[in-house]
Amino acid sequence: MKHWKWVVNCTLDVMTNISLLGRAALLAALIGLSGTAPGQTLAIPGGEVARDVPGAKELPDPNMTYKVVFDVASAAPKVGDVNPNLTGVVRFLNTLAKNGVPADHRKIAVVLHQAATDIVLNNEAFKARYNGQDNPNIALIQSMKKAGVDFRVCGQAVLAHKIDPKTINPEIELDLWALTTLVNFELRGYVHVGGGN
């Protein structure tokens, strides 16, 4: 009888260990698929995040305030594509969030000008300009704005592209000139990333 009791106890121990290992494997798989640990919230859910690099020296610092102005001057390869510069900003923002940089330490601005100017159009104006094509950037711009991204558009580019200011998405502020906006942000301590064509 003692022998069977020992077998039952060993079996229960093994089942408990397998169960713990199974739970650990499932958790590891979930972390690997999502790219974030439980409890971490991405700034833009569903957006890209920089992949982990084991042994990387420089990582986002949760104690640092990131003041970055992105200079977006190029268009997407096709009218129906989301501007890849915006997805790059999302990747940066989500990488900061994934690494524990709090929302109040993420001061991100995007200045749109040159070939990127038309993405500021509301959907109705975009469709009128591009043969019924919806503006593929609107949902992402709205998500980014909710995450605290400050959007600006160059007034000189708006004039050059013959855009009625009333047709600019409400998430985007109209400035005099991209050059002035970029310089002002830099003078306020923002790092300038990107550049015009």
N, C-alpha and C. Protein backbone atom coordinates (compact mmCIF):
# COMPACT_ATOMS: atom_id res chain seq x y z
N MET A 1 0.82 -1.19 0.00
CA MET A 1 0.00 0.00 0.00
C MET A 1 0.86 1.26 0.00
N LYS A 2 1.96 1.24 0.76
CA LYS A 2 2.87 2.38 0.80
C LYS A 2 3.43 2.66 -0.58
N HIS A 3 3.72 1.57 -1.32
CA HIS A 3 4.29 1.71 -2.65
C HIS A 3 3.34 2.49 -3.56
N TRP A 4 2.07 2.16 -3.53
CA TRP A 4 1.10 2.86 -4.38
C TRP A 4 0.95 4.33 -3.97
N LYS A 5 1.01 4.56 -2.66
CA LYS A 5 0.92 5.94 -2.19
C LYS A 5 2.10 6.76 -2.72
N TRP A 6 3.29 6.15 -2.72
CA TRP A 6 4.49 6.82 -3.25
C TRP A 6 4.33 7.09 -4.75
N VAL A 7 3.82 6.11 -5.52
CA VAL A 7 3.60 6.27 -6.97
C VAL A 7 2.62 7.40 -7.23
N VAL A 8 1.52 7.42 -6.47
CA VAL A 8 0.51 8.48 -6.64
C VAL A 8 1.13 9.85 -6.34
N ASN A 9 1.88 9.95 -5.25
CA ASN A 9 2.52 11.23 -4.89
C ASN A 9 3.53 11.66 -5.96
N CYS A 10 4.33 10.73 -6.47
CA CYS A 10 5.29 11.06 -7.54
C CYS A 10 4.56 11.51 -8.79
N THR A 11 3.48 10.81 -9.14
CA THR A 11 2.70 11.18 -10.34
C THR A 11 2.13 12.58 -10.17
N LEU A 12 1.60 12.87 -9.00
CA LEU A 12 1.06 14.21 -8.75
C LEU A 12 2.15 15.27 -8.85
N ASP A 13 3.34 14.96 -8.31
CA ASP A 13 4.46 15.90 -8.41
C ASP A 13 4.83 16.14 -9.86
N VAL A 14 4.91 15.07 -10.66
CA VAL A 14 5.26 15.20 -12.07
C VAL A 14 4.20 16.01 -12.80
N MET A 15 2.92 15.71 -12.53
CA MET A 15 1.84 16.44 -13.19
C MET A 15 1.88 17.92 -12.80
N THR A 16 2.19 18.21 -11.56
CA THR A 16 2.30 19.60 -11.12
C THR A 16 3.43 20.30 -11.84
N ASN A 17 4.59 19.61 -11.95
CA ASN A 17 5.73 20.19 -12.65
C ASN A 17 5.45 20.39 -14.13
N ILE A 18 4.80 19.41 -14.74
CA ILE A 18 4.45 19.56 -16.16
C ILE A 18 3.49 20.72 -16.31
N SER A 19 2.54 20.80 -15.41
CA SER A 19 1.58 21.88 -15.48
C SER A 19 2.28 23.24 -15.36
N LEU A 20 3.23 23.33 -14.41
CA LEU A 20 3.97 24.59 -14.26
C LEU A 20 4.81 24.87 -15.50
N LEU A 21 5.48 23.84 -16.01
CA LEU A 21 6.27 24.02 -17.23
C LEU A 21 5.38 24.40 -18.41
N GLY A 22 4.22 23.75 -18.48
CA GLY A 22 3.28 24.07 -19.55
C GLY A 22 2.81 25.51 -19.48
N ARG A 23 2.53 25.93 -18.24
CA ARG A 23 2.12 27.33 -18.06
C ARG A 23 3.25 28.28 -18.42
N ALA A 24 4.46 27.94 -18.04
CA ALA A 24 5.61 28.79 -18.37
C ALA A 24 5.83 28.84 -19.88
N ALA A 25 5.70 27.69 -20.55
CA ALA A 25 5.88 27.65 -22.00
C ALA A 25 4.81 28.48 -22.71
N LEU A 26 3.57 28.37 -22.22
CA LEU A 26 2.48 29.14 -22.81
C LEU A 26 2.73 30.64 -22.63
N LEU A 27 3.14 31.04 -21.43
CA LEU A 27 3.43 32.45 -21.17
C LEU A 27 4.56 32.94 -22.06
N ALA A 28 5.62 32.14 -22.20
CA ALA A 28 6.74 32.53 -23.06
C ALA A 28 6.29 32.66 -24.51
N ALA A 29 5.44 31.73 -24.94
CA ALA A 29 4.94 31.80 -26.32
C ALA A 29 4.09 33.04 -26.53
N LEU A 30 3.25 33.35 -25.54
CA LEU A 30 2.42 34.55 -25.67
C LEU A 30 3.25 35.81 -25.69
N ILE A 31 4.28 35.87 -24.85
CA ILE A 31 5.16 37.04 -24.85
C ILE A 31 5.87 37.14 -26.19
N GLY A 32 6.34 36.04 -26.71
CA GLY A 32 7.03 36.04 -28.01
C GLY A 32 6.13 36.49 -29.14
N LEU A 33 4.86 36.09 -29.10
CA LEU A 33 3.94 36.47 -30.17
C LEU A 33 3.55 37.94 -30.08
N SER A 34 3.34 38.42 -28.88
CA SER A 34 2.88 39.80 -28.74
C SER A 34 4.02 40.80 -28.78
N GLY A 35 5.22 40.36 -28.39
CA GLY A 35 6.36 41.26 -28.36
C GLY A 35 6.40 42.10 -27.10
N THR A 36 5.43 41.94 -26.22
CA THR A 36 5.42 42.69 -24.98
C THR A 36 5.10 41.77 -23.83
N ALA A 37 5.57 42.11 -22.67
CA ALA A 37 5.27 41.34 -21.47
C ALA A 37 3.88 41.70 -20.98
N PRO A 38 3.24 40.80 -20.24
CA PRO A 38 1.92 41.12 -19.70
C PRO A 38 1.97 42.40 -18.89
N GLY A 39 0.95 43.22 -19.02
CA GLY A 39 0.89 44.46 -18.25
C GLY A 39 1.45 45.66 -19.01
N GLN A 40 2.22 45.40 -20.07
CA GLN A 40 2.75 46.51 -20.86
C GLN A 40 1.73 46.86 -21.94
N THR A 41 1.46 48.13 -22.09
CA THR A 41 0.50 48.58 -23.08
C THR A 41 1.24 49.35 -24.15
N LEU A 42 1.01 48.98 -25.39
CA LEU A 42 1.62 49.72 -26.48
C LEU A 42 0.89 51.05 -26.67
N ALA A 43 1.61 52.04 -27.10
CA ALA A 43 1.01 53.35 -27.37
C ALA A 43 -0.02 53.25 -28.49
N ILE A 44 0.31 52.47 -29.52
CA ILE A 44 -0.58 52.24 -30.66
C ILE A 44 -0.79 50.72 -30.74
N PRO A 45 -1.86 50.19 -30.14
CA PRO A 45 -2.09 48.75 -30.19
C PRO A 45 -2.13 48.24 -31.63
N GLY A 46 -1.47 47.13 -31.87
CA GLY A 46 -1.42 46.56 -33.20
C GLY A 46 -0.32 47.12 -34.07
N GLY A 47 0.32 48.20 -33.62
CA GLY A 47 1.42 48.81 -34.38
C GLY A 47 2.72 48.05 -34.16
N GLU A 48 3.67 48.31 -35.03
CA GLU A 48 4.97 47.64 -34.95
C GLU A 48 5.75 48.08 -33.72
N VAL A 49 6.68 47.20 -33.32
CA VAL A 49 7.61 47.45 -32.22
C VAL A 49 8.97 46.96 -32.69
N ALA A 50 10.03 47.65 -32.31
CA ALA A 50 11.38 47.16 -32.63
C ALA A 50 11.57 45.80 -31.97
N ARG A 51 12.16 44.87 -32.71
CA ARG A 51 12.41 43.53 -32.17
C ARG A 51 13.52 43.59 -31.12
N ASP A 52 13.41 42.71 -30.14
CA ASP A 52 14.43 42.64 -29.10
C ASP A 52 15.75 42.17 -29.68
N VAL A 53 16.84 42.72 -29.18
CA VAL A 53 18.19 42.32 -29.57
C VAL A 53 18.93 41.96 -28.29
N PRO A 54 19.14 40.66 -28.06
CA PRO A 54 19.84 40.26 -26.83
C PRO A 54 21.21 40.93 -26.74
N GLY A 55 21.52 41.49 -25.58
CA GLY A 55 22.80 42.12 -25.34
C GLY A 55 22.92 43.54 -25.86
N ALA A 56 21.83 44.11 -26.38
CA ALA A 56 21.89 45.49 -26.90
C ALA A 56 22.27 46.45 -25.78
N LYS A 57 23.20 47.35 -26.07
CA LYS A 57 23.69 48.29 -25.05
C LYS A 57 22.70 49.45 -24.84
N GLU A 58 22.31 50.11 -25.92
CA GLU A 58 21.40 51.25 -25.80
C GLU A 58 19.96 50.78 -25.92
N LEU A 59 19.17 51.11 -24.91
CA LEU A 59 17.74 50.81 -24.88
C LEU A 59 17.02 52.07 -24.45
N PRO A 60 15.73 52.18 -24.74
CA PRO A 60 14.98 53.32 -24.21
C PRO A 60 15.08 53.37 -22.69
N ASP A 61 15.23 54.56 -22.17
CA ASP A 61 15.40 54.78 -20.73
C ASP A 61 14.11 55.35 -20.16
N PRO A 62 13.41 54.62 -19.29
CA PRO A 62 12.16 55.10 -18.72
C PRO A 62 12.29 56.40 -17.92
N ASN A 63 13.50 56.75 -17.52
CA ASN A 63 13.71 57.98 -16.76
C ASN A 63 13.97 59.20 -17.64
N MET A 64 14.15 58.96 -18.93
CA MET A 64 14.46 60.04 -19.86
C MET A 64 13.17 60.53 -20.53
N THR A 65 13.11 61.82 -20.83
CA THR A 65 11.99 62.35 -21.61
C THR A 65 12.44 62.45 -23.06
N TYR A 66 11.70 61.78 -23.93
CA TYR A 66 12.02 61.73 -25.36
C TYR A 66 11.23 62.82 -26.08
N LYS A 67 11.95 63.86 -26.52
CA LYS A 67 11.37 64.96 -27.28
C LYS A 67 11.91 64.83 -28.70
N VAL A 68 11.04 64.36 -29.61
CA VAL A 68 11.48 64.07 -30.98
C VAL A 68 10.47 64.66 -31.96
N VAL A 69 10.99 65.37 -32.97
CA VAL A 69 10.16 65.87 -34.05
C VAL A 69 10.56 65.12 -35.33
N PHE A 70 9.59 64.44 -35.92
CA PHE A 70 9.81 63.68 -37.15
C PHE A 70 9.45 64.56 -38.34
N ASP A 71 10.38 64.67 -39.26
CA ASP A 71 10.27 65.47 -40.48
C ASP A 71 9.80 64.53 -41.60
N VAL A 72 8.52 64.62 -41.97
CA VAL A 72 7.94 63.71 -42.96
C VAL A 72 7.66 64.48 -44.24
N ALA A 73 8.46 64.18 -45.26
CA ALA A 73 8.37 64.92 -46.52
C ALA A 73 8.08 64.04 -47.73
N SER A 74 8.07 62.73 -47.55
CA SER A 74 7.86 61.84 -48.71
C SER A 74 6.51 61.16 -48.62
N ALA A 75 6.00 60.80 -49.78
CA ALA A 75 4.70 60.12 -49.89
C ALA A 75 4.90 58.61 -49.85
N ALA A 76 3.80 57.91 -49.67
CA ALA A 76 3.82 56.45 -49.78
C ALA A 76 4.04 56.08 -51.25
N PRO A 77 4.56 54.88 -51.52
CA PRO A 77 4.79 54.48 -52.91
C PRO A 77 3.51 54.48 -53.76
N LYS A 78 2.38 54.14 -53.13
CA LYS A 78 1.09 54.13 -53.83
C LYS A 78 0.10 54.96 -53.03
N VAL A 79 -0.84 55.59 -53.73
CA VAL A 79 -1.83 56.44 -53.08
C VAL A 79 -2.62 55.68 -52.02
N GLY A 80 -2.89 54.40 -52.23
CA GLY A 80 -3.68 53.61 -51.30
C GLY A 80 -2.90 53.05 -50.13
N ASP A 81 -1.60 53.34 -50.04
CA ASP A 81 -0.76 52.82 -48.95
C ASP A 81 -0.66 53.84 -47.82
N VAL A 82 -0.54 53.33 -46.60
CA VAL A 82 -0.26 54.20 -45.46
C VAL A 82 1.17 54.72 -45.62
N ASN A 83 1.38 55.98 -45.28
CA ASN A 83 2.72 56.56 -45.40
C ASN A 83 3.68 55.80 -44.49
N PRO A 84 4.75 55.21 -45.04
CA PRO A 84 5.68 54.42 -44.22
C PRO A 84 6.40 55.23 -43.15
N ASN A 85 6.48 56.54 -43.32
CA ASN A 85 7.08 57.37 -42.27
C ASN A 85 6.22 57.37 -41.00
N LEU A 86 4.90 57.31 -41.19
CA LEU A 86 4.01 57.25 -40.02
C LEU A 86 4.18 55.93 -39.28
N THR A 87 4.31 54.83 -40.03
CA THR A 87 4.50 53.54 -39.36
C THR A 87 5.85 53.51 -38.64
N GLY A 88 6.83 54.23 -39.15
CA GLY A 88 8.12 54.35 -38.46
C GLY A 88 7.99 55.09 -37.13
N VAL A 89 7.18 56.13 -37.11
CA VAL A 89 6.93 56.87 -35.87
C VAL A 89 6.21 55.96 -34.87
N VAL A 90 5.23 55.20 -35.36
CA VAL A 90 4.51 54.27 -34.49
C VAL A 90 5.48 53.25 -33.89
N ARG A 91 6.38 52.74 -34.70
CA ARG A 91 7.35 51.76 -34.21
C ARG A 91 8.21 52.37 -33.08
N PHE A 92 8.65 53.61 -33.27
CA PHE A 92 9.43 54.29 -32.24
C PHE A 92 8.61 54.47 -30.96
N LEU A 93 7.40 54.96 -31.12
CA LEU A 93 6.51 55.21 -29.98
C LEU A 93 6.21 53.92 -29.22
N ASN A 94 5.89 52.86 -29.94
CA ASN A 94 5.60 51.58 -29.30
C ASN A 94 6.84 50.97 -28.64
N THR A 95 8.00 51.20 -29.23
CA THR A 95 9.24 50.69 -28.63
C THR A 95 9.52 51.40 -27.31
N LEU A 96 9.27 52.70 -27.28
CA LEU A 96 9.42 53.43 -26.01
C LEU A 96 8.46 52.86 -24.97
N ALA A 97 7.20 52.68 -25.36
CA ALA A 97 6.19 52.17 -24.43
C ALA A 97 6.55 50.77 -23.94
N LYS A 98 6.96 49.90 -24.86
CA LYS A 98 7.33 48.52 -24.51
C LYS A 98 8.46 48.49 -23.49
N ASN A 99 9.36 49.45 -23.58
CA ASN A 99 10.52 49.49 -22.69
C ASN A 99 10.28 50.33 -21.45
N GLY A 100 9.01 50.64 -21.17
CA GLY A 100 8.65 51.27 -19.91
C GLY A 100 8.72 52.78 -19.85
N VAL A 101 8.91 53.44 -21.00
CA VAL A 101 8.93 54.91 -21.00
C VAL A 101 7.48 55.38 -20.86
N PRO A 102 7.16 56.08 -19.77
CA PRO A 102 5.77 56.50 -19.55
C PRO A 102 5.30 57.52 -20.59
N ALA A 103 3.98 57.56 -20.77
CA ALA A 103 3.38 58.45 -21.78
C ALA A 103 3.82 59.90 -21.59
N ASP A 104 3.96 60.36 -20.35
CA ASP A 104 4.34 61.76 -20.13
C ASP A 104 5.82 62.02 -20.41
N HIS A 105 6.57 60.98 -20.75
CA HIS A 105 7.97 61.12 -21.14
C HIS A 105 8.15 60.93 -22.65
N ARG A 106 7.03 60.84 -23.38
CA ARG A 106 7.07 60.65 -24.83
C ARG A 106 6.46 61.89 -25.49
N LYS A 107 7.32 62.83 -25.88
CA LYS A 107 6.89 64.07 -26.53
C LYS A 107 7.24 63.95 -28.01
N ILE A 108 6.28 63.54 -28.80
CA ILE A 108 6.52 63.24 -30.21
C ILE A 108 5.71 64.18 -31.08
N ALA A 109 6.37 64.75 -32.09
CA ALA A 109 5.69 65.61 -33.06
C ALA A 109 6.02 65.12 -34.47
N VAL A 110 5.09 65.34 -35.38
CA VAL A 110 5.28 64.99 -36.79
C VAL A 110 4.98 66.23 -37.61
N VAL A 111 5.94 66.62 -38.45
CA VAL A 111 5.75 67.77 -39.35
C VAL A 111 5.63 67.22 -40.77
N LEU A 112 4.48 67.48 -41.39
CA LEU A 112 4.19 67.00 -42.74
C LEU A 112 4.38 68.13 -43.75
N HIS A 113 5.09 67.82 -44.84
CA HIS A 113 5.31 68.83 -45.89
C HIS A 113 5.74 68.13 -47.16
N GLN A 114 6.02 68.90 -48.19
CA GLN A 114 6.45 68.42 -49.50
C GLN A 114 5.51 67.32 -50.00
N ALA A 115 6.03 66.19 -50.44
CA ALA A 115 5.21 65.14 -51.04
C ALA A 115 4.26 64.46 -50.05
N ALA A 116 4.48 64.64 -48.76
CA ALA A 116 3.61 64.03 -47.75
C ALA A 116 2.38 64.87 -47.44
N THR A 117 2.28 66.05 -48.00
CA THR A 117 1.25 67.02 -47.60
C THR A 117 -0.17 66.49 -47.78
N ASP A 118 -0.45 65.79 -48.86
CA ASP A 118 -1.84 65.38 -49.14
C ASP A 118 -2.43 64.43 -48.11
N ILE A 119 -1.61 63.79 -47.28
CA ILE A 119 -2.18 62.88 -46.29
C ILE A 119 -2.93 63.63 -45.20
N VAL A 120 -2.82 64.95 -45.17
CA VAL A 120 -3.55 65.74 -44.17
C VAL A 120 -5.02 65.93 -44.54
N LEU A 121 -5.37 65.62 -45.78
CA LEU A 121 -6.75 65.83 -46.26
C LEU A 121 -7.75 64.94 -45.54
N ASN A 122 -8.94 65.48 -45.28
CA ASN A 122 -10.01 64.63 -44.75
C ASN A 122 -10.41 63.65 -45.86
N ASN A 123 -11.17 62.64 -45.52
CA ASN A 123 -11.45 61.58 -46.48
C ASN A 123 -12.20 62.07 -47.72
N GLU A 124 -13.15 62.95 -47.51
CA GLU A 124 -13.94 63.48 -48.64
C GLU A 124 -13.04 64.21 -49.63
N ALA A 125 -12.17 65.08 -49.15
CA ALA A 125 -11.27 65.84 -50.03
C ALA A 125 -10.24 64.92 -50.68
N PHE A 126 -9.76 63.93 -49.94
CA PHE A 126 -8.78 62.98 -50.48
C PHE A 126 -9.41 62.19 -51.62
N LYS A 127 -10.65 61.72 -51.41
CA LYS A 127 -11.35 60.95 -52.45
C LYS A 127 -11.58 61.80 -53.70
N ALA A 128 -11.92 63.06 -53.51
CA ALA A 128 -12.14 63.95 -54.66
C ALA A 128 -10.84 64.15 -55.45
N ARG A 129 -9.73 64.20 -54.75
CA ARG A 129 -8.43 64.42 -55.40
C ARG A 129 -7.88 63.15 -56.05
N TYR A 130 -8.19 61.99 -55.47
CA TYR A 130 -7.59 60.73 -55.91
C TYR A 130 -8.62 59.71 -56.41
N ASN A 131 -9.52 60.16 -57.26
CA ASN A 131 -10.46 59.27 -57.96
C ASN A 131 -11.18 58.29 -57.05
N GLY A 132 -11.71 58.77 -55.93
CA GLY A 132 -12.51 57.94 -55.05
C GLY A 132 -11.73 57.11 -54.04
N GLN A 133 -10.41 57.23 -54.06
CA GLN A 133 -9.56 56.47 -53.12
C GLN A 133 -9.68 57.06 -51.71
N ASP A 134 -9.97 56.20 -50.72
CA ASP A 134 -10.01 56.66 -49.32
C ASP A 134 -8.61 57.03 -48.87
N ASN A 135 -8.53 57.96 -47.92
CA ASN A 135 -7.25 58.32 -47.33
C ASN A 135 -6.85 57.21 -46.35
N PRO A 136 -5.83 56.42 -46.68
CA PRO A 136 -5.46 55.29 -45.84
C PRO A 136 -4.74 55.67 -44.54
N ASN A 137 -4.45 56.95 -44.37
CA ASN A 137 -3.67 57.41 -43.22
C ASN A 137 -4.54 57.89 -42.05
N ILE A 138 -5.81 58.13 -42.30
CA ILE A 138 -6.66 58.78 -41.29
C ILE A 138 -6.74 58.00 -39.99
N ALA A 139 -7.02 56.70 -40.05
CA ALA A 139 -7.18 55.92 -38.82
C ALA A 139 -5.88 55.91 -38.01
N LEU A 140 -4.75 55.77 -38.69
CA LEU A 140 -3.47 55.75 -37.99
C LEU A 140 -3.18 57.12 -37.37
N ILE A 141 -3.44 58.19 -38.10
CA ILE A 141 -3.23 59.53 -37.57
C ILE A 141 -4.10 59.74 -36.32
N GLN A 142 -5.35 59.28 -36.37
CA GLN A 142 -6.24 59.43 -35.21
C GLN A 142 -5.71 58.64 -34.01
N SER A 143 -5.23 57.42 -34.24
CA SER A 143 -4.66 56.61 -33.15
C SER A 143 -3.41 57.26 -32.57
N MET A 144 -2.58 57.80 -33.45
CA MET A 144 -1.35 58.45 -33.01
C MET A 144 -1.68 59.71 -32.19
N LYS A 145 -2.66 60.45 -32.64
CA LYS A 145 -3.07 61.67 -31.92
C LYS A 145 -3.58 61.30 -30.52
N LYS A 146 -4.38 60.22 -30.43
CA LYS A 146 -4.87 59.76 -29.12
C LYS A 146 -3.71 59.37 -28.21
N ALA A 147 -2.61 58.90 -28.83
CA ALA A 147 -1.42 58.50 -28.05
C ALA A 147 -0.54 59.69 -27.71
N GLY A 148 -0.95 60.90 -28.11
CA GLY A 148 -0.22 62.10 -27.73
C GLY A 148 0.69 62.70 -28.80
N VAL A 149 0.65 62.17 -30.01
CA VAL A 149 1.50 62.71 -31.08
C VAL A 149 0.92 64.03 -31.56
N ASP A 150 1.78 65.02 -31.70
CA ASP A 150 1.42 66.37 -32.16
C ASP A 150 1.67 66.42 -33.67
N PHE A 151 0.62 66.66 -34.47
CA PHE A 151 0.75 66.73 -35.92
C PHE A 151 0.70 68.17 -36.41
N ARG A 152 1.62 68.51 -37.31
CA ARG A 152 1.66 69.83 -37.94
C ARG A 152 1.81 69.66 -39.44
N VAL A 153 1.26 70.60 -40.19
CA VAL A 153 1.45 70.61 -41.64
C VAL A 153 1.97 71.98 -42.06
N CYS A 154 2.82 71.97 -43.04
CA CYS A 154 3.43 73.18 -43.58
C CYS A 154 2.40 73.99 -44.37
N GLY A 155 2.20 75.22 -43.96
CA GLY A 155 1.26 76.10 -44.66
C GLY A 155 1.70 76.40 -46.08
N GLN A 156 3.00 76.51 -46.32
CA GLN A 156 3.49 76.77 -47.68
C GLN A 156 3.17 75.58 -48.60
N ALA A 157 3.29 74.36 -48.06
CA ALA A 157 2.96 73.17 -48.84
C ALA A 157 1.45 73.08 -49.08
N VAL A 158 0.66 73.48 -48.09
CA VAL A 158 -0.80 73.50 -48.26
C VAL A 158 -1.17 74.43 -49.40
N LEU A 159 -0.53 75.60 -49.45
CA LEU A 159 -0.79 76.55 -50.55
C LEU A 159 -0.33 75.97 -51.89
N ALA A 160 0.85 75.38 -51.92
CA ALA A 160 1.40 74.82 -53.16
C ALA A 160 0.55 73.66 -53.68
N HIS A 161 -0.03 72.89 -52.77
CA HIS A 161 -0.86 71.74 -53.16
C HIS A 161 -2.32 72.14 -53.37
N LYS A 162 -2.61 73.43 -53.23
CA LYS A 162 -3.96 73.95 -53.40
C LYS A 162 -4.98 73.21 -52.52
N ILE A 163 -4.64 73.13 -51.24
CA ILE A 163 -5.50 72.48 -50.25
C ILE A 163 -6.26 73.55 -49.50
N ASP A 164 -7.57 73.41 -49.44
CA ASP A 164 -8.41 74.30 -48.65
C ASP A 164 -8.18 73.94 -47.18
N PRO A 165 -7.74 74.87 -46.35
CA PRO A 165 -7.49 74.56 -44.93
C PRO A 165 -8.69 73.92 -44.22
N LYS A 166 -9.90 74.17 -44.70
CA LYS A 166 -11.09 73.57 -44.09
C LYS A 166 -11.14 72.07 -44.30
N THR A 167 -10.35 71.55 -45.27
CA THR A 167 -10.37 70.12 -45.57
C THR A 167 -9.24 69.35 -44.86
N ILE A 168 -8.49 70.03 -44.00
CA ILE A 168 -7.42 69.38 -43.24
C ILE A 168 -8.05 68.64 -42.05
N ASN A 169 -7.60 67.41 -41.83
CA ASN A 169 -8.10 66.63 -40.70
C ASN A 169 -7.94 67.42 -39.41
N PRO A 170 -8.92 67.33 -38.51
CA PRO A 170 -8.87 68.10 -37.26
C PRO A 170 -7.71 67.73 -36.34
N GLU A 171 -7.10 66.56 -36.53
CA GLU A 171 -5.98 66.15 -35.69
C GLU A 171 -4.69 66.88 -36.06
N ILE A 172 -4.70 67.61 -37.17
CA ILE A 172 -3.49 68.21 -37.71
C ILE A 172 -3.59 69.74 -37.66
N GLU A 173 -2.55 70.36 -37.07
CA GLU A 173 -2.52 71.83 -36.99
C GLU A 173 -1.79 72.41 -38.19
N LEU A 174 -2.30 73.52 -38.68
CA LEU A 174 -1.71 74.23 -39.82
C LEU A 174 -0.72 75.27 -39.31
N ASP A 175 0.53 75.18 -39.77
CA ASP A 175 1.58 76.14 -39.40
C ASP A 175 1.97 76.96 -40.61
N LEU A 176 2.73 78.02 -40.38
CA LEU A 176 3.17 78.90 -41.46
C LEU A 176 4.05 78.18 -42.46
N TRP A 177 5.09 77.46 -41.94
CA TRP A 177 6.11 76.90 -42.82
C TRP A 177 6.81 75.77 -42.06
N ALA A 178 7.04 74.65 -42.71
CA ALA A 178 7.69 73.51 -42.06
C ALA A 178 9.05 73.90 -41.48
N LEU A 179 9.80 74.72 -42.20
CA LEU A 179 11.12 75.10 -41.72
C LEU A 179 11.03 75.83 -40.38
N THR A 180 10.09 76.75 -40.27
CA THR A 180 9.90 77.48 -39.01
C THR A 180 9.48 76.52 -37.90
N THR A 181 8.56 75.62 -38.20
CA THR A 181 8.08 74.66 -37.20
C THR A 181 9.22 73.78 -36.71
N LEU A 182 10.01 73.25 -37.65
CA LEU A 182 11.13 72.37 -37.28
C LEU A 182 12.16 73.11 -36.42
N VAL A 183 12.50 74.33 -36.81
CA VAL A 183 13.47 75.11 -36.04
C VAL A 183 12.92 75.41 -34.65
N ASN A 184 11.64 75.79 -34.57
CA ASN A 184 11.04 76.07 -33.26
C ASN A 184 11.07 74.85 -32.35
N PHE A 185 10.73 73.69 -32.89
CA PHE A 185 10.79 72.47 -32.08
C PHE A 185 12.22 72.19 -31.61
N GLU A 186 13.18 72.36 -32.52
CA GLU A 186 14.57 72.13 -32.14
C GLU A 186 15.01 73.09 -31.04
N LEU A 187 14.60 74.35 -31.15
CA LEU A 187 14.95 75.34 -30.12
C LEU A 187 14.29 75.02 -28.77
N ARG A 188 13.20 74.26 -28.81
CA ARG A 188 12.53 73.81 -27.57
C ARG A 188 13.14 72.51 -27.04
N GLY A 189 14.21 72.04 -27.69
CA GLY A 189 14.92 70.86 -27.19
C GLY A 189 14.54 69.55 -27.84
N TYR A 190 13.80 69.59 -28.92
CA TYR A 190 13.42 68.35 -29.64
C TYR A 190 14.56 67.92 -30.56
N VAL A 191 14.73 66.61 -30.69
CA VAL A 191 15.68 66.04 -31.64
C VAL A 191 14.96 65.92 -32.98
N HIS A 192 15.61 66.37 -34.04
CA HIS A 192 15.05 66.36 -35.40
C HIS A 192 15.42 65.05 -36.09
N VAL A 193 14.41 64.27 -36.49
CA VAL A 193 14.64 62.99 -37.17
C VAL A 193 14.00 63.04 -38.54
N GLY A 194 14.74 62.61 -39.56
CA GLY A 194 14.22 62.61 -40.93
C GLY A 194 14.66 63.86 -41.65
N GLY A 195 14.07 64.06 -42.80
CA GLY A 195 14.44 65.24 -43.56
C GLY A 195 13.73 65.29 -44.89
N GLY A 196 13.68 66.47 -45.44
CA GLY A 196 13.02 66.68 -46.72
C GLY A 196 13.79 66.10 -47.88
N ASN A 197 13.06 65.99 -48.97
CA ASN A 197 13.68 65.46 -50.21
C ASN A 197 14.55 66.50 -50.86
